[in-house]
C-alpha atoms as a PDB file:
ATOM      1  CA  MET A   1    -108.301  -7.031 -28.626  1.00  0.00           C
ATOM      2  CA  SER A   2    -108.024 -10.777 -29.215  1.00  0.00           C
ATOM      3  CA  SER A   3    -106.974 -12.986 -26.347  1.00  0.00           C
ATOM      4  CA  ARG A   4    -103.782 -14.985 -26.664  1.00  0.00           C
ATOM      5  CA  HIS A   5    -105.784 -18.186 -26.957  1.00  0.00           C
ATOM      6  CA  ASP A   6    -107.761 -16.705 -29.833  1.00  0.00           C
ATOM      7  CA  VAL A   7    -104.576 -15.604 -31.601  1.00  0.00           C
ATOM      8  CA  TYR A   8    -102.920 -19.019 -31.268  1.00  0.00           C
ATOM      9  CA  THR A   9    -106.087 -20.809 -32.374  1.00  0.00           C
ATOM     10  CA  GLN A  10    -106.762 -18.479 -35.301  1.00  0.00           C
ATOM     11  CA  VAL A  11    -103.229 -18.669 -36.705  1.00  0.00           C
ATOM     12  CA  THR A  12    -102.807 -22.397 -36.079  1.00  0.00           C
ATOM     13  CA  ALA A  13    -106.117 -23.188 -37.814  1.00  0.00           C
ATOM     14  CA  GLU A  14    -104.810 -21.664 -41.056  1.00  0.00           C
ATOM     15  CA  LEU A  15    -101.721 -23.850 -40.905  1.00  0.00           C
ATOM     16  CA  VAL A  16    -103.692 -27.008 -40.051  1.00  0.00           C
ATOM     17  CA  ALA A  17    -105.866 -26.474 -43.134  1.00  0.00           C
ATOM     18  CA  ALA A  18    -102.764 -26.214 -45.345  1.00  0.00           C
ATOM     19  CA  ILE A  19    -101.196 -29.348 -43.849  1.00  0.00           C
ATOM     20  CA  GLU A  20    -104.399 -31.314 -44.366  1.00  0.00           C
ATOM     21  CA  ALA A  21    -104.615 -30.106 -47.965  1.00  0.00           C
ATOM     22  CA  GLY A  22    -101.097 -31.309 -48.782  1.00  0.00           C
ATOM     23  CA  ALA A  23    -100.993 -34.489 -46.717  1.00  0.00           C
ATOM     24  CA  GLY A  24    -101.740 -36.776 -49.669  1.00  0.00           C
ATOM     25  CA  GLU A  25     -98.546 -35.700 -51.454  1.00  0.00           C
ATOM     26  CA  TRP A  26     -96.482 -35.091 -48.286  1.00  0.00           C
ATOM     27  CA  ARG A  27     -96.326 -31.448 -49.355  1.00  0.00           C
ATOM     28  CA  MET A  28     -96.470 -29.117 -46.403  1.00  0.00           C
ATOM     29  CA  PRO A  29     -96.686 -25.304 -46.344  1.00  0.00           C
ATOM     30  CA  TRP A  30     -92.949 -25.144 -45.574  1.00  0.00           C
ATOM     31  CA  HIS A  31     -92.037 -26.972 -48.799  1.00  0.00           C
ATOM     32  CA  HIS A  32     -91.398 -24.422 -51.508  1.00  0.00           C
ATOM     33  CA  ASP A  33     -89.663 -23.680 -54.810  1.00  0.00           C
ATOM     34  CA  GLY A  34     -87.338 -20.954 -53.540  1.00  0.00           C
ATOM     35  CA  ALA A  35     -89.095 -18.209 -55.514  1.00  0.00           C
ATOM     36  CA  ALA A  36     -89.657 -14.687 -54.206  1.00  0.00           C
ATOM     37  CA  VAL A  37     -93.047 -15.680 -52.764  1.00  0.00           C
ATOM     38  CA  THR A  38     -91.176 -17.801 -50.206  1.00  0.00           C
ATOM     39  CA  ARG A  39     -89.513 -14.740 -48.675  1.00  0.00           C
ATOM     40  CA  PRO A  40     -92.553 -12.821 -47.400  1.00  0.00           C
ATOM     41  CA  GLU A  41     -91.913  -9.202 -46.469  1.00  0.00           C
ATOM     42  CA  ASN A  42     -93.962  -6.277 -45.263  1.00  0.00           C
ATOM     43  CA  VAL A  43     -94.620  -3.881 -48.122  1.00  0.00           C
ATOM     44  CA  ALA A  44     -94.445  -0.770 -45.931  1.00  0.00           C
ATOM     45  CA  THR A  45     -91.289  -1.552 -43.955  1.00  0.00           C
ATOM     46  CA  ALA A  46     -89.509  -3.941 -46.386  1.00  0.00           C
ATOM     47  CA  ARG A  47     -88.779  -6.124 -43.357  1.00  0.00           C
ATOM     48  CA  ARG A  48     -88.973  -9.889 -43.706  1.00  0.00           C
ATOM     49  CA  TYR A  49     -91.582 -11.730 -41.689  1.00  0.00           C
ATOM     50  CA  ARG A  50     -90.122 -14.263 -39.296  1.00  0.00           C
ATOM     51  CA  GLY A  51     -90.896 -17.493 -37.488  1.00  0.00           C
ATOM     52  CA  MET A  52     -94.540 -18.505 -37.289  1.00  0.00           C
ATOM     53  CA  ASN A  53     -95.622 -15.652 -39.548  1.00  0.00           C
ATOM     54  CA  VAL A  54     -93.527 -17.068 -42.391  1.00  0.00           C
ATOM     55  CA  LEU A  55     -95.290 -20.433 -42.099  1.00  0.00           C
ATOM     56  CA  VAL A  56     -98.722 -18.829 -42.038  1.00  0.00           C
ATOM     57  CA  LEU A  57     -98.041 -16.634 -45.066  1.00  0.00           C
ATOM     58  CA  TRP A  58     -96.589 -19.610 -46.956  1.00  0.00           C
ATOM     59  CA  ALA A  59     -99.749 -21.562 -46.160  1.00  0.00           C
ATOM     60  CA  ALA A  60    -101.988 -18.732 -47.349  1.00  0.00           C
ATOM     61  CA  ALA A  61    -100.002 -18.289 -50.565  1.00  0.00           C
ATOM     62  CA  GLN A  62    -100.138 -22.027 -51.220  1.00  0.00           C
ATOM     63  CA  ASN A  63    -103.862 -22.345 -50.542  1.00  0.00           C
ATOM     64  CA  ARG A  64    -104.854 -19.297 -52.615  1.00  0.00           C
ATOM     65  CA  GLY A  65    -102.314 -19.423 -55.430  1.00  0.00           C
ATOM     66  CA  TYR A  66    -100.477 -16.157 -54.692  1.00  0.00           C
ATOM     67  CA  ASN A  67     -97.163 -15.626 -56.491  1.00  0.00           C
ATOM     68  CA  SER A  68     -95.906 -12.607 -54.561  1.00  0.00           C
ATOM     69  CA  GLY A  69     -94.157 -12.390 -51.208  1.00  0.00           C
ATOM     70  CA  GLN A  70     -95.299  -8.830 -50.454  1.00  0.00           C
ATOM     71  CA  TRP A  71     -97.898  -8.353 -47.717  1.00  0.00           C
ATOM     72  CA  GLY A  72     -99.386  -5.425 -45.850  1.00  0.00           C
ATOM     73  CA  THR A  73    -102.332  -4.328 -43.744  1.00  0.00           C
ATOM     74  CA  TYR A  74    -105.289  -2.597 -45.384  1.00  0.00           C
ATOM     75  CA  ARG A  75    -103.998   0.783 -44.173  1.00  0.00           C
ATOM     76  CA  GLN A  76    -100.438   0.096 -45.291  1.00  0.00           C
ATOM     77  CA  TRP A  77    -101.573  -0.655 -48.839  1.00  0.00           C
ATOM     78  CA  GLN A  78    -103.844   2.401 -48.755  1.00  0.00           C
ATOM     79  CA  ALA A  79    -100.939   4.627 -47.661  1.00  0.00           C
ATOM     80  CA  LEU A  80     -98.997   3.432 -50.721  1.00  0.00           C
ATOM     81  CA  GLY A  81    -101.825   4.434 -53.034  1.00  0.00           C
ATOM     82  CA  ALA A  82    -103.070   0.877 -53.532  1.00  0.00           C
ATOM     83  CA  GLN A  83    -106.499  -0.538 -52.757  1.00  0.00           C
ATOM     84  CA  VAL A  84    -107.434  -3.949 -51.373  1.00  0.00           C
ATOM     85  CA  ARG A  85    -110.199  -5.279 -53.613  1.00  0.00           C
ATOM     86  CA  LYS A  86    -113.672  -5.566 -52.141  1.00  0.00           C
ATOM     87  CA  GLY A  87    -114.439  -9.034 -50.769  1.00  0.00           C
ATOM     88  CA  GLU A  88    -110.797 -10.131 -50.372  1.00  0.00           C
ATOM     89  CA  ARG A  89    -110.100 -12.207 -47.260  1.00  0.00           C
ATOM     90  CA  GLY A  90    -106.978 -11.317 -45.295  1.00  0.00           C
ATOM     91  CA  THR A  91    -104.523 -13.522 -43.420  1.00  0.00           C
ATOM     92  CA  ALA A  92    -103.815 -13.231 -39.692  1.00  0.00           C
ATOM     93  CA  VAL A  93    -100.217 -12.675 -38.592  1.00  0.00           C
ATOM     94  CA  VAL A  94     -98.902 -12.101 -35.095  1.00  0.00           C
ATOM     95  CA  LEU A  95     -97.117  -9.069 -33.714  1.00  0.00           C
ATOM     96  CA  TRP A  96     -95.447  -9.438 -30.330  1.00  0.00           C
ATOM     97  CA  LYS A  97     -95.433  -6.406 -28.059  1.00  0.00           C
ATOM     98  CA  PRO A  98     -94.159  -5.791 -24.517  1.00  0.00           C
ATOM     99  CA  VAL A  99     -96.881  -6.052 -21.879  1.00  0.00           C
ATOM    100  CA  ALA A 100     -96.177  -2.451 -20.833  1.00  0.00           C
ATOM    101  CA  ASP A 101     -96.677  -1.220 -24.402  1.00  0.00           C
ATOM    102  CA  ARG A 102    -100.214  -2.160 -25.466  1.00  0.00           C
ATOM    103  CA  GLN A 103    -100.962   0.682 -27.852  1.00  0.00           C
ATOM    104  CA  GLU A 104    -101.957  -0.342 -31.334  1.00  0.00           C
ATOM    105  CA  ALA A 105     -99.093  -0.689 -33.825  1.00  0.00           C
ATOM    106  CA  GLY A 106     -98.828  -1.556 -37.496  1.00  0.00           C
ATOM    107  CA  ALA A 107     -98.108  -5.204 -38.337  1.00  0.00           C
ATOM    108  CA  ASP A 108     -94.410  -5.881 -38.763  1.00  0.00           C
ATOM    109  CA  ASP A 109     -92.346  -9.051 -38.929  1.00  0.00           C
ATOM    110  CA  GLY A 110     -93.799 -10.549 -35.718  1.00  0.00           C
ATOM    111  CA  GLN A 111     -91.344 -12.472 -33.559  1.00  0.00           C
ATOM    112  CA  ALA A 112     -91.477 -13.187 -29.842  1.00  0.00           C
ATOM    113  CA  ALA A 113     -88.750 -11.560 -27.746  1.00  0.00           C
ATOM    114  CA  PRO A 114     -87.457 -12.206 -24.225  1.00  0.00           C
ATOM    115  CA  GLY A 115     -89.465 -10.773 -21.354  1.00  0.00           C
ATOM    116  CA  ARG A 116     -93.180 -10.429 -20.803  1.00  0.00           C
ATOM    117  CA  MET A 117     -94.878 -10.160 -24.180  1.00  0.00           C
ATOM    118  CA  PHE A 118     -98.403 -10.355 -25.508  1.00  0.00           C
ATOM    119  CA  ALA A 119     -99.511 -11.589 -28.933  1.00  0.00           C
ATOM    120  CA  ARG A 120    -101.701  -9.418 -31.124  1.00  0.00           C
ATOM    121  CA  ALA A 121    -103.193 -10.648 -34.407  1.00  0.00           C
ATOM    122  CA  PHE A 122    -103.209  -8.367 -37.435  1.00  0.00           C
ATOM    123  CA  THR A 123    -104.789  -8.984 -40.815  1.00  0.00           C
ATOM    124  CA  VAL A 124    -102.582  -8.613 -43.879  1.00  0.00           C
ATOM    125  CA  PHE A 125    -103.275  -8.839 -47.602  1.00  0.00           C
ATOM    126  CA  ASN A 126    -101.067 -10.107 -50.408  1.00  0.00           C
ATOM    127  CA  LEU A 127    -100.053  -8.049 -53.423  1.00  0.00           C
ATOM    128  CA  ALA A 128    -102.302 -10.321 -55.499  1.00  0.00           C
ATOM    129  CA  GLN A 129    -105.297  -8.966 -53.558  1.00  0.00           C
ATOM    130  CA  VAL A 130    -104.736  -5.272 -54.306  1.00  0.00           C
ATOM    131  CA  ASP A 131    -104.904  -2.898 -57.250  1.00  0.00           C
ATOM    132  CA  GLY A 132    -102.748   0.120 -57.973  1.00  0.00           C
ATOM    133  CA  TYR A 133     -99.299  -1.020 -56.833  1.00  0.00           C
ATOM    134  CA  GLN A 134     -96.270  -1.797 -58.998  1.00  0.00           C
ATOM    135  CA  PRO A 135     -93.824  -4.159 -57.227  1.00  0.00           C
ATOM    136  CA  ARG A 136     -90.089  -3.646 -57.527  1.00  0.00           C
ATOM    137  CA  ALA A 137     -88.042  -5.978 -59.698  1.00  0.00           C
ATOM    138  CA  VAL A 138     -86.166  -8.758 -57.873  1.00  0.00           C
ATOM    139  CA  PRO A 139     -82.818  -9.888 -59.337  1.00  0.00           C
ATOM    140  CA  ILE A 140     -82.384 -13.604 -59.958  1.00  0.00           C
ATOM    141  CA  LEU A 141     -79.071 -15.455 -59.647  1.00  0.00           C
ATOM    142  CA  PRO A 142     -78.418 -18.645 -61.630  1.00  0.00           C
ATOM    143  CA  GLU A 143     -79.210 -21.804 -59.652  1.00  0.00           C
ATOM    144  CA  THR A 144     -75.596 -22.981 -59.861  1.00  0.00           C
ATOM    145  CA  GLU A 145     -74.474 -19.850 -58.027  1.00  0.00           C
ATOM    146  CA  ARG A 146     -77.193 -20.257 -55.412  1.00  0.00           C
ATOM    147  CA  VAL A 147     -76.205 -23.900 -54.798  1.00  0.00           C
ATOM    148  CA  ALA A 148     -72.531 -22.943 -54.497  1.00  0.00           C
ATOM    149  CA  HIS A 149     -73.438 -20.247 -51.987  1.00  0.00           C
ATOM    150  CA  ALA A 150     -75.523 -22.735 -50.002  1.00  0.00           C
ATOM    151  CA  GLU A 151     -72.652 -25.213 -49.868  1.00  0.00           C
ATOM    152  CA  ALA A 152     -70.337 -22.473 -48.605  1.00  0.00           C
ATOM    153  CA  PHE A 153     -73.045 -21.522 -46.105  1.00  0.00           C
ATOM    154  CA  VAL A 154     -73.064 -25.068 -44.654  1.00  0.00           C
ATOM    155  CA  THR A 155     -69.245 -25.209 -44.527  1.00  0.00           C
ATOM    156  CA  ALA A 156     -69.164 -21.981 -42.507  1.00  0.00           C
ATOM    157  CA  LEU A 157     -71.303 -23.593 -39.797  1.00  0.00           C
ATOM    158  CA  GLY A 158     -68.367 -25.771 -38.745  1.00  0.00           C
ATOM    159  CA  ILE A 159     -70.525 -28.851 -38.136  1.00  0.00           C
ATOM    160  CA  PRO A 160     -68.655 -32.093 -39.056  1.00  0.00           C
ATOM    161  CA  VAL A 161     -70.197 -33.922 -42.034  1.00  0.00           C
ATOM    162  CA  ARG A 162     -69.328 -37.526 -42.921  1.00  0.00           C
ATOM    163  CA  GLU A 163     -70.401 -38.988 -46.256  1.00  0.00           C
ATOM    164  CA  GLY A 164     -71.224 -42.621 -47.023  1.00  0.00           C
ATOM    165  CA  ALA A 165     -74.049 -43.362 -44.584  1.00  0.00           C
ATOM    166  CA  TRP A 166     -77.168 -45.343 -45.505  1.00  0.00           C
ATOM    167  CA  ASP A 167     -79.430 -42.445 -44.622  1.00  0.00           C
ATOM    168  CA  ALA A 168     -79.096 -38.833 -43.530  1.00  0.00           C
ATOM    169  CA  HIS A 169     -78.988 -38.282 -39.765  1.00  0.00           C
ATOM    170  CA  TYR A 170     -77.312 -36.296 -37.002  1.00  0.00           C
ATOM    171  CA  ARG A 171     -75.660 -38.063 -34.070  1.00  0.00           C
ATOM    172  CA  ILE A 172     -75.597 -35.882 -31.015  1.00  0.00           C
ATOM    173  CA  ASP A 173     -73.114 -38.154 -29.199  1.00  0.00           C
ATOM    174  CA  LEU A 174     -70.524 -37.596 -31.959  1.00  0.00           C
ATOM    175  CA  ASP A 175     -71.749 -34.112 -32.893  1.00  0.00           C
ATOM    176  CA  ALA A 176     -71.574 -35.133 -36.540  1.00  0.00           C
ATOM    177  CA  ILE A 177     -73.897 -35.308 -39.530  1.00  0.00           C
ATOM    178  CA  PHE A 178     -73.904 -38.503 -41.582  1.00  0.00           C
ATOM    179  CA  MET A 179     -74.969 -38.220 -45.223  1.00  0.00           C
ATOM    180  CA  PRO A 180     -75.498 -40.702 -48.065  1.00  0.00           C
ATOM    181  CA  PRO A 181     -73.188 -40.322 -51.103  1.00  0.00           C
ATOM    182  CA  PHE A 182     -73.933 -37.298 -53.251  1.00  0.00           C
ATOM    183  CA  SER A 183     -74.999 -39.629 -56.068  1.00  0.00           C
ATOM    184  CA  ALA A 184     -77.928 -40.847 -53.944  1.00  0.00           C
ATOM    185  CA  PHE A 185     -79.730 -37.508 -54.322  1.00  0.00           C
ATOM    186  CA  ARG A 186     -81.906 -36.455 -57.230  1.00  0.00           C
ATOM    187  CA  SER A 187     -80.204 -33.066 -57.537  1.00  0.00           C
ATOM    188  CA  PRO A 188     -77.695 -30.742 -55.823  1.00  0.00           C
ATOM    189  CA  VAL A 189     -80.686 -28.828 -54.412  1.00  0.00           C
ATOM    190  CA  ASP A 190     -82.054 -31.988 -52.764  1.00  0.00           C
ATOM    191  CA  HIS A 191     -78.623 -32.718 -51.318  1.00  0.00           C
ATOM    192  CA  VAL A 192     -78.151 -29.285 -49.776  1.00  0.00           C
ATOM    193  CA  GLY A 193     -81.755 -29.258 -48.515  1.00  0.00           C
ATOM    194  CA  THR A 194     -81.246 -32.549 -46.681  1.00  0.00           C
ATOM    195  CA  LEU A 195     -77.928 -31.334 -45.334  1.00  0.00           C
ATOM    196  CA  LEU A 196     -79.486 -28.148 -43.964  1.00  0.00           C
ATOM    197  CA  HIS A 197     -82.239 -30.209 -42.317  1.00  0.00           C
ATOM    198  CA  GLU A 198     -79.591 -32.194 -40.447  1.00  0.00           C
ATOM    199  CA  CYS A 199     -77.770 -28.964 -39.595  1.00  0.00           C
ATOM    200  CA  GLY A 200     -81.061 -27.825 -38.089  1.00  0.00           C
ATOM    201  CA  HIS A 201     -80.925 -30.799 -35.726  1.00  0.00           C
ATOM    202  CA  ALA A 202     -77.292 -30.038 -34.906  1.00  0.00           C
ATOM    203  CA  THR A 203     -78.113 -26.503 -33.765  1.00  0.00           C
ATOM    204  CA  GLY A 204     -79.951 -28.043 -30.805  1.00  0.00           C
ATOM    205  CA  ALA A 205     -76.755 -29.430 -29.280  1.00  0.00           C
ATOM    206  CA  ALA A 206     -75.903 -28.200 -25.772  1.00  0.00           C
ATOM    207  CA  HIS A 207     -72.863 -26.205 -26.939  1.00  0.00           C
ATOM    208  CA  ARG A 208     -74.935 -24.429 -29.589  1.00  0.00           C
ATOM    209  CA  LEU A 209     -78.563 -23.545 -28.742  1.00  0.00           C
ATOM    210  CA  ASP A 210     -79.214 -26.252 -26.117  1.00  0.00           C
ATOM    211  CA  ARG A 211     -82.699 -27.015 -27.423  1.00  0.00           C
ATOM    212  CA  ARG A 212     -84.706 -29.447 -25.281  1.00  0.00           C
ATOM    213  CA  PHE A 213     -88.193 -30.087 -26.567  1.00  0.00           C
ATOM    214  CA  GLN A 214     -88.379 -33.070 -24.160  1.00  0.00           C
ATOM    215  CA  ASP A 215     -89.025 -30.645 -21.306  1.00  0.00           C
ATOM    216  CA  ARG A 216     -92.047 -29.100 -23.045  1.00  0.00           C
ATOM    217  CA  PHE A 217     -93.534 -31.991 -25.037  1.00  0.00           C
ATOM    218  CA  LYS A 218     -92.474 -35.089 -23.066  1.00  0.00           C
ATOM    219  CA  GLN A 219     -93.013 -38.202 -25.234  1.00  0.00           C
ATOM    220  CA  ASP A 220     -94.182 -36.084 -28.178  1.00  0.00           C
ATOM    221  CA  TRP A 221     -90.884 -34.241 -28.539  1.00  0.00           C
ATOM    222  CA  LEU A 222     -89.482 -36.083 -31.588  1.00  0.00           C
ATOM    223  CA  PRO A 223     -92.126 -34.925 -34.137  1.00  0.00           C
ATOM    224  CA  ILE A 224     -91.666 -31.363 -32.887  1.00  0.00           C
ATOM    225  CA  GLU A 225     -87.892 -31.625 -33.276  1.00  0.00           C
ATOM    226  CA  GLU A 226     -88.398 -32.921 -36.823  1.00  0.00           C
ATOM    227  CA  ALA A 227     -90.751 -30.047 -37.583  1.00  0.00           C
ATOM    228  CA  CYS A 228     -88.224 -27.594 -36.141  1.00  0.00           C
ATOM    229  CA  ALA A 229     -85.445 -28.968 -38.370  1.00  0.00           C
ATOM    230  CA  GLU A 230     -87.788 -28.817 -41.384  1.00  0.00           C
ATOM    231  CA  PHE A 231     -88.716 -25.201 -40.623  1.00  0.00           C
ATOM    232  CA  THR A 232     -85.067 -24.265 -40.128  1.00  0.00           C
ATOM    233  CA  ALA A 233     -84.086 -25.712 -43.501  1.00  0.00           C
ATOM    234  CA  SER A 234     -87.073 -24.028 -45.160  1.00  0.00           C
ATOM    235  CA  PHE A 235     -86.263 -20.599 -43.723  1.00  0.00           C
ATOM    236  CA  VAL A 236     -82.604 -20.798 -44.786  1.00  0.00           C
ATOM    237  CA  LEU A 237     -83.319 -22.283 -48.212  1.00  0.00           C
ATOM    238  CA  ALA A 238     -85.877 -19.542 -48.884  1.00  0.00           C
ATOM    239  CA  ASP A 239     -83.265 -16.899 -48.053  1.00  0.00           C
ATOM    240  CA  LEU A 240     -80.798 -18.682 -50.349  1.00  0.00           C
ATOM    241  CA  GLY A 241     -83.357 -18.860 -53.143  1.00  0.00           C
ATOM    242  CA  LEU A 242     -83.433 -22.660 -53.263  1.00  0.00           C
ATOM    243  CA  ALA A 243     -86.331 -25.091 -53.219  1.00  0.00           C
ATOM    244  CA  HIS A 244     -87.235 -27.236 -50.237  1.00  0.00           C
ATOM    245  CA  HIS A 245     -88.746 -30.490 -51.443  1.00  0.00           C
ATOM    246  CA  PRO A 246     -90.853 -32.968 -49.406  1.00  0.00           C
ATOM    247  CA  ARG A 247     -89.077 -35.921 -47.812  1.00  0.00           C
ATOM    248  CA  ARG A 248     -91.131 -39.090 -47.835  1.00  0.00           C
ATOM    249  CA  ASP A 249     -89.531 -40.267 -44.608  1.00  0.00           C
ATOM    250  CA  HIS A 250     -91.490 -37.475 -42.906  1.00  0.00           C
ATOM    251  CA  ALA A 251     -94.855 -38.815 -44.065  1.00  0.00           C
ATOM    252  CA  ALA A 252     -95.097 -40.707 -40.777  1.00  0.00           C
ATOM    253  CA  TYR A 253     -94.973 -37.422 -38.862  1.00  0.00           C
ATOM    254  CA  ILE A 254     -97.926 -35.760 -40.600  1.00  0.00           C
ATOM    255  CA  ALA A 255    -100.590 -37.362 -38.379  1.00  0.00           C
ATOM    256  CA  SER A 256     -98.637 -36.551 -35.215  1.00  0.00           C
ATOM    257  CA  TRP A 257     -98.087 -32.948 -36.324  1.00  0.00           C
ATOM    258  CA  LEU A 258    -101.793 -32.510 -36.939  1.00  0.00           C
ATOM    259  CA  ALA A 259    -102.705 -34.090 -33.608  1.00  0.00           C
ATOM    260  CA  LEU A 260    -100.321 -31.793 -31.737  1.00  0.00           C
ATOM    261  CA  LEU A 261    -101.523 -28.662 -33.520  1.00  0.00           C
ATOM    262  CA  GLN A 262    -105.185 -29.474 -32.971  1.00  0.00           C
ATOM    263  CA  HIS A 263    -104.738 -30.201 -29.265  1.00  0.00           C
ATOM    264  CA  ASP A 264    -102.018 -27.658 -28.490  1.00  0.00           C
ATOM    265  CA  PRO A 265    -102.251 -24.485 -30.635  1.00  0.00           C
ATOM    266  CA  LYS A 266     -99.056 -23.145 -29.047  1.00  0.00           C
ATOM    267  CA  ALA A 267     -96.961 -26.117 -30.231  1.00  0.00           C
ATOM    268  CA  ILE A 268     -96.314 -24.797 -33.708  1.00  0.00           C
ATOM    269  CA  PHE A 269     -95.389 -21.372 -32.323  1.00  0.00           C
ATOM    270  CA  THR A 270     -92.745 -23.038 -30.160  1.00  0.00           C
ATOM    271  CA  ALA A 271     -91.314 -25.063 -33.055  1.00  0.00           C
ATOM    272  CA  ALA A 272     -91.298 -22.065 -35.407  1.00  0.00           C
ATOM    273  CA  SER A 273     -89.679 -19.794 -32.823  1.00  0.00           C
ATOM    274  CA  LYS A 274     -86.910 -22.327 -32.169  1.00  0.00           C
ATOM    275  CA  ALA A 275     -86.450 -22.811 -35.928  1.00  0.00           C
ATOM    276  CA  GLN A 276     -86.067 -19.076 -36.431  1.00  0.00           C
ATOM    277  CA  GLN A 277     -83.524 -19.055 -33.610  1.00  0.00           C
ATOM    278  CA  ALA A 278     -81.630 -21.867 -35.357  1.00  0.00           C
ATOM    279  CA  ALA A 279     -81.715 -20.080 -38.717  1.00  0.00           C
ATOM    280  CA  ASP A 280     -80.488 -16.869 -37.067  1.00  0.00           C
ATOM    281  CA  TRP A 281     -77.621 -18.817 -35.445  1.00  0.00           C
ATOM    282  CA  MET A 282     -76.628 -20.192 -38.862  1.00  0.00           C
ATOM    283  CA  TRP A 283     -76.551 -16.744 -40.413  1.00  0.00           C
ATOM    284  CA  VAL A 284     -74.422 -15.401 -37.568  1.00  0.00           C
ATOM    285  CA  GLN A 285     -71.783 -18.033 -38.417  1.00  0.00           C
ATOM    286  CA  GLN A 286     -71.415 -16.657 -41.944  1.00  0.00           C
ATOM    287  CA  PRO A 287     -68.562 -14.340 -42.947  1.00  0.00           C
ATOM    288  CA  GLN A 288     -71.206 -11.819 -44.057  1.00  0.00           C
ATOM    289  CA  VAL A 289     -74.689 -12.074 -42.580  1.00  0.00           C
ATOM    290  CA  GLU A 290     -76.937 -11.410 -45.540  1.00  0.00           C
ATOM    291  CA  ALA A 291     -79.545 -13.267 -47.534  1.00  0.00           C
ATOM    292  CA  LEU A 292     -79.280 -13.548 -51.309  1.00  0.00           C
ATOM    293  CA  ALA A 293     -82.092 -12.309 -53.517  1.00  0.00           C
ATOM    294  CA  ALA A 294     -83.245 -14.999 -55.867  1.00  0.00           C
END
């Protein structure tokens, strides 16, 4: 069984490689086109992967050119009558288990829970790495409908939004998001993506999730907060079937993100876990808590 340190290091290394590969174009593993590959799910359980596992599977798909979001362990594919091709390299994901329950289990969606937990790494393979499996068809909604749903999604959060600012930002003292005019954005998708990023910041307010990265990261807390907001927007946009494009104003954070990940393998787990918590909070605010297929 791998030690926790080994698990954190192994999973973080995959993400660091993807960040380094995309640094020249500011394209990170969490930037995506909203296609089905950006909603990774376990082929045996049909459950979506969550948190850090989503980032790792996005990175693997980006690095290796996969166009499917279906993943499974060698045995899970085998049980479905499929076969992982000889020589294929798998991707490590993390399954959290209670300390009192250390028996081996199949890889699932992998998210830390309250209480004493231990991290176990499992190797999964993408649909593109196997033979003998026919994936199910995924319905696609028109982009206009997906954008309209995303706008309604943001409205349901109840976070005040004021338009006309020079740049997009959230002010915690006013508990309000300030956005440039709609005309300042390249597309409706860019507008809603930026808005969801700022909503990600707003979830950290004391009367919402009371997120305080300052306690954990001291002077390095701001890049982690930015990463958390980016992950939150990416998770939600993927569920809504919309793209998440790079923001050049985050280019300055790339070096600091890499430095933190290389010196503190647990940092990205913390940011991803808090981002998943923020995304979950957003979905709970919706009239019906469900993700759209796209």
